Amino acid sequence: MIERQPAPDFTRPFLVSLAPLVFIALVFVWMVWGLLAAMGVTYASDKAISRLSRR
């Protein structure tokens, strides 16, 4: 019977590669949230300026 070697432990490399992925995901969420906030403020200020200019 052939003796098999145990599988290598890739826990540490997995965690090391997971950290940048989590960082990138959080930066992406931050970017999307900021973009939506900027678009909302821009839309609201446009509507306010348009309403004031009609007076």
N, C-alpha and C. Protein backbone atom coordinates (compact mmCIF):
# COMPACT_ATOMS: atom_id res chain seq x y z
N MET A 1 0.85 -1.18 0.00
CA MET A 1 0.00 0.00 0.00
C MET A 1 0.89 1.24 0.00
N ILE A 2 0.46 2.26 -0.74
CA ILE A 2 1.24 3.50 -0.85
C ILE A 2 0.90 4.40 0.34
N GLU A 3 1.97 4.89 0.97
CA GLU A 3 1.77 5.82 2.09
C GLU A 3 1.69 7.23 1.54
N ARG A 4 0.67 7.95 1.93
CA ARG A 4 0.49 9.32 1.46
C ARG A 4 0.98 10.29 2.52
N GLN A 5 1.56 11.38 2.04
CA GLN A 5 1.99 12.42 2.96
C GLN A 5 0.77 13.28 3.31
N PRO A 6 0.76 13.83 4.52
CA PRO A 6 -0.38 14.70 4.88
C PRO A 6 -0.35 15.97 4.03
N ALA A 7 -1.51 16.52 3.85
CA ALA A 7 -1.63 17.76 3.08
C ALA A 7 -0.97 18.90 3.84
N PRO A 8 -0.35 19.82 3.11
CA PRO A 8 0.29 20.95 3.79
C PRO A 8 -0.75 21.88 4.41
N ASP A 9 -0.34 22.55 5.46
CA ASP A 9 -1.24 23.46 6.17
C ASP A 9 -1.15 24.85 5.52
N PHE A 10 -2.19 25.23 4.82
CA PHE A 10 -2.21 26.51 4.13
C PHE A 10 -3.04 27.56 4.88
N THR A 11 -3.22 27.38 6.18
CA THR A 11 -4.03 28.32 6.95
C THR A 11 -3.39 29.70 6.98
N ARG A 12 -2.12 29.78 7.32
CA ARG A 12 -1.46 31.08 7.42
C ARG A 12 -1.40 31.80 6.06
N PRO A 13 -1.01 31.14 4.97
CA PRO A 13 -1.04 31.85 3.67
C PRO A 13 -2.44 32.31 3.28
N PHE A 14 -3.44 31.52 3.62
CA PHE A 14 -4.82 31.92 3.33
C PHE A 14 -5.18 33.18 4.09
N LEU A 15 -4.85 33.23 5.36
CA LEU A 15 -5.17 34.41 6.16
C LEU A 15 -4.38 35.64 5.70
N VAL A 16 -3.14 35.42 5.29
CA VAL A 16 -2.34 36.54 4.81
C VAL A 16 -2.92 37.07 3.50
N SER A 17 -3.38 36.21 2.63
CA SER A 17 -3.96 36.68 1.37
C SER A 17 -5.39 37.20 1.57
N LEU A 18 -6.05 36.79 2.63
CA LEU A 18 -7.41 37.27 2.89
C LEU A 18 -7.40 38.71 3.39
N ALA A 19 -6.39 39.10 4.14
CA ALA A 19 -6.33 40.45 4.71
C ALA A 19 -6.39 41.53 3.64
N PRO A 20 -5.57 41.47 2.57
CA PRO A 20 -5.70 42.51 1.53
C PRO A 20 -7.05 42.48 0.82
N LEU A 21 -7.63 41.31 0.66
CA LEU A 21 -8.94 41.23 0.00
C LEU A 21 -10.02 41.89 0.85
N VAL A 22 -9.97 41.68 2.15
CA VAL A 22 -10.93 42.34 3.04
C VAL A 22 -10.72 43.85 3.02
N PHE A 23 -9.45 44.27 3.02
CA PHE A 23 -9.14 45.69 2.95
C PHE A 23 -9.69 46.30 1.67
N ILE A 24 -9.49 45.65 0.55
CA ILE A 24 -9.98 46.15 -0.74
C ILE A 24 -11.51 46.20 -0.74
N ALA A 25 -12.15 45.19 -0.17
CA ALA A 25 -13.61 45.18 -0.11
C ALA A 25 -14.13 46.34 0.74
N LEU A 26 -13.48 46.60 1.86
CA LEU A 26 -13.93 47.71 2.72
C LEU A 26 -13.69 49.06 2.05
N VAL A 27 -12.60 49.21 1.34
CA VAL A 27 -12.35 50.46 0.61
C VAL A 27 -13.39 50.63 -0.50
N PHE A 28 -13.76 49.55 -1.15
CA PHE A 28 -14.78 49.61 -2.20
C PHE A 28 -16.12 50.06 -1.62
N VAL A 29 -16.51 49.48 -0.47
CA VAL A 29 -17.77 49.88 0.17
C VAL A 29 -17.71 51.35 0.56
N TRP A 30 -16.57 51.78 1.09
CA TRP A 30 -16.39 53.18 1.48
C TRP A 30 -16.51 54.09 0.26
N MET A 31 -15.92 53.68 -0.87
CA MET A 31 -15.98 54.47 -2.09
C MET A 31 -17.41 54.58 -2.61
N VAL A 32 -18.12 53.46 -2.63
CA VAL A 32 -19.50 53.48 -3.13
C VAL A 32 -20.37 54.35 -2.23
N TRP A 33 -20.20 54.21 -0.91
CA TRP A 33 -20.98 55.00 0.04
C TRP A 33 -20.71 56.49 -0.16
N GLY A 34 -19.43 56.84 -0.33
CA GLY A 34 -19.07 58.24 -0.54
C GLY A 34 -19.60 58.77 -1.86
N LEU A 35 -19.55 57.96 -2.89
CA LEU A 35 -20.06 58.38 -4.20
C LEU A 35 -21.57 58.61 -4.13
N LEU A 36 -22.28 57.72 -3.47
CA LEU A 36 -23.74 57.91 -3.35
C LEU A 36 -24.06 59.15 -2.52
N ALA A 37 -23.30 59.39 -1.47
CA ALA A 37 -23.52 60.58 -0.65
C ALA A 37 -23.25 61.84 -1.47
N ALA A 38 -22.17 61.84 -2.23
CA ALA A 38 -21.85 63.01 -3.06
C ALA A 38 -22.93 63.24 -4.12
N MET A 39 -23.43 62.18 -4.71
CA MET A 39 -24.49 62.32 -5.71
C MET A 39 -25.76 62.85 -5.06
N GLY A 40 -26.07 62.40 -3.85
CA GLY A 40 -27.26 62.89 -3.16
C GLY A 40 -27.16 64.36 -2.81
N VAL A 41 -26.00 64.78 -2.33
CA VAL A 41 -25.81 66.19 -2.00
C VAL A 41 -25.87 67.04 -3.27
N THR A 42 -25.28 66.56 -4.34
CA THR A 42 -25.30 67.29 -5.60
C THR A 42 -26.73 67.44 -6.12
N TYR A 43 -27.49 66.36 -6.06
CA TYR A 43 -28.88 66.40 -6.54
C TYR A 43 -29.71 67.36 -5.69
N ALA A 44 -29.54 67.28 -4.36
CA ALA A 44 -30.32 68.15 -3.48
C ALA A 44 -29.95 69.62 -3.68
N SER A 45 -28.67 69.90 -3.83
CA SER A 45 -28.28 71.30 -4.03
C SER A 45 -28.75 71.80 -5.40
N ASP A 46 -28.75 70.95 -6.41
CA ASP A 46 -29.26 71.35 -7.73
C ASP A 46 -30.74 71.69 -7.65
N LYS A 47 -31.49 70.86 -6.95
CA LYS A 47 -32.93 71.12 -6.81
C LYS A 47 -33.17 72.40 -6.01
N ALA A 48 -32.37 72.64 -4.98
CA ALA A 48 -32.54 73.84 -4.17
C ALA A 48 -32.19 75.09 -4.97
N ILE A 49 -31.11 75.05 -5.73
CA ILE A 49 -30.72 76.20 -6.55
C ILE A 49 -31.77 76.45 -7.64
N SER A 50 -32.28 75.39 -8.25
CA SER A 50 -33.31 75.55 -9.27
C SER A 50 -34.58 76.16 -8.69
N ARG A 51 -34.94 75.74 -7.49
CA ARG A 51 -36.14 76.27 -6.85
C ARG A 51 -35.95 77.75 -6.50
N LEU A 52 -34.75 78.11 -6.04
CA LEU A 52 -34.49 79.51 -5.70
C LEU A 52 -34.43 80.39 -6.94
N SER A 53 -33.96 79.85 -8.04
CA SER A 53 -33.85 80.67 -9.26
C SER A 53 -35.21 80.95 -9.90
N ARG A 54 -36.21 80.13 -9.61
CA ARG A 54 -37.54 80.34 -10.16
C ARG A 54 -38.26 81.50 -9.49
N ARG A 55 -37.83 81.87 -8.30
CA ARG A 55 -38.50 82.94 -7.55
C ARG A 55 -38.29 84.27 -8.13
